[in-house]
């Protein structure tokens, strides 16, 4: 599947509330999205990454 067919919203700058480097990168890449205070949602591409890592670990 082409990357242009995915719904990915990327950011040019890291959010101000993201302190950890991995958190900044995941939010900038569009893998996660903040819903509320301490509540995050995995975007479709982020969920796919997690499933692939789980398959590799198994």
C-alpha atoms as a PDB file:
ATOM      1  CA  UNK A   1       0.000   0.000   0.000  1.00  0.00           C
ATOM      2  CA  UNK A   2       1.298   3.459  -0.852  1.00  0.00           C
ATOM      3  CA  UNK A   3       2.099   5.912   1.905  1.00  0.00           C
ATOM      4  CA  UNK A   4       0.006   8.526   0.120  1.00  0.00           C
ATOM      5  CA  UNK A   5      -3.106   6.410   0.772  1.00  0.00           C
ATOM      6  CA  UNK A   6      -2.694   6.561   4.566  1.00  0.00           C
ATOM      7  CA  UNK A   7      -4.185   9.285   6.711  1.00  0.00           C
ATOM      8  CA  UNK A   8      -1.082  10.643   8.395  1.00  0.00           C
ATOM      9  CA  UNK A   9      -0.980  14.074   9.991  1.00  0.00           C
ATOM     10  CA  UNK A  10       2.623  15.063  10.659  1.00  0.00           C
ATOM     11  CA  UNK A  11       3.888  18.056  12.595  1.00  0.00           C
ATOM     12  CA  UNK A  12       6.885  20.221  11.759  1.00  0.00           C
ATOM     13  CA  UNK A  13       7.621  21.129  15.374  1.00  0.00           C
ATOM     14  CA  UNK A  14       7.426  19.066  18.531  1.00  0.00           C
ATOM     15  CA  UNK A  15       4.534  19.880  20.891  1.00  0.00           C
ATOM     16  CA  UNK A  16       5.471  21.947  23.943  1.00  0.00           C
ATOM     17  CA  UNK A  17       4.107  19.379  26.423  1.00  0.00           C
ATOM     18  CA  UNK A  18       6.236  16.521  25.021  1.00  0.00           C
ATOM     19  CA  UNK A  19       9.416  16.240  27.105  1.00  0.00           C
ATOM     20  CA  UNK A  20      10.779  12.799  26.188  1.00  0.00           C
ATOM     21  CA  UNK A  21      12.461  12.482  22.792  1.00  0.00           C
ATOM     22  CA  UNK A  22      10.508   9.343  21.840  1.00  0.00           C
ATOM     23  CA  UNK A  23       7.230  11.065  22.721  1.00  0.00           C
ATOM     24  CA  UNK A  24       8.168  14.066  20.557  1.00  0.00           C
ATOM     25  CA  UNK A  25       9.081  11.854  17.612  1.00  0.00           C
ATOM     26  CA  UNK A  26       5.912   9.746  17.822  1.00  0.00           C
ATOM     27  CA  UNK A  27       3.699  12.835  17.947  1.00  0.00           C
ATOM     28  CA  UNK A  28       5.568  14.523  15.090  1.00  0.00           C
ATOM     29  CA  UNK A  29       5.346  11.383  12.951  1.00  0.00           C
ATOM     30  CA  UNK A  30       1.611  11.101  13.546  1.00  0.00           C
ATOM     31  CA  UNK A  31       1.794   7.739  15.322  1.00  0.00           C
ATOM     32  CA  UNK A  32      -0.046   8.960  18.430  1.00  0.00           C
ATOM     33  CA  UNK A  33      -2.475  11.787  19.178  1.00  0.00           C
ATOM     34  CA  UNK A  34      -3.261  13.380  22.520  1.00  0.00           C
ATOM     35  CA  UNK A  35      -6.931  13.165  23.498  1.00  0.00           C
ATOM     36  CA  UNK A  36      -6.789  14.582  27.003  1.00  0.00           C
ATOM     37  CA  UNK A  37      -4.592  14.922  30.055  1.00  0.00           C
ATOM     38  CA  UNK A  38      -2.511  11.734  30.012  1.00  0.00           C
ATOM     39  CA  UNK A  39      -4.751  10.040  27.429  1.00  0.00           C
ATOM     40  CA  UNK A  40      -3.268   9.165  24.061  1.00  0.00           C
ATOM     41  CA  UNK A  41      -4.716   7.424  21.040  1.00  0.00           C
ATOM     42  CA  UNK A  42      -2.746   5.342  18.558  1.00  0.00           C
ATOM     43  CA  UNK A  43      -3.322   6.468  15.003  1.00  0.00           C
ATOM     44  CA  UNK A  44      -3.688   3.752  12.308  1.00  0.00           C
ATOM     45  CA  UNK A  45      -0.006   3.810  11.352  1.00  0.00           C
ATOM     46  CA  UNK A  46       1.079   3.676  15.011  1.00  0.00           C
ATOM     47  CA  UNK A  47      -1.173   0.688  15.649  1.00  0.00           C
ATOM     48  CA  UNK A  48       0.293  -1.073  12.628  1.00  0.00           C
ATOM     49  CA  UNK A  49       3.820  -0.478  13.940  1.00  0.00           C
ATOM     50  CA  UNK A  50       2.898  -1.938  17.332  1.00  0.00           C
ATOM     51  CA  UNK A  51       1.352  -5.037  15.754  1.00  0.00           C
ATOM     52  CA  UNK A  52       4.435  -5.617  13.594  1.00  0.00           C
ATOM     53  CA  UNK A  53       6.759  -5.308  16.605  1.00  0.00           C
ATOM     54  CA  UNK A  54       4.566  -7.755  18.553  1.00  0.00           C
ATOM     55  CA  UNK A  55       4.777 -10.242  15.677  1.00  0.00           C
ATOM     56  CA  UNK A  56       8.566  -9.955  15.601  1.00  0.00           C
ATOM     57  CA  UNK A  57       8.851 -10.492  19.358  1.00  0.00           C
ATOM     58  CA  UNK A  58       6.669 -13.600  19.221  1.00  0.00           C
END
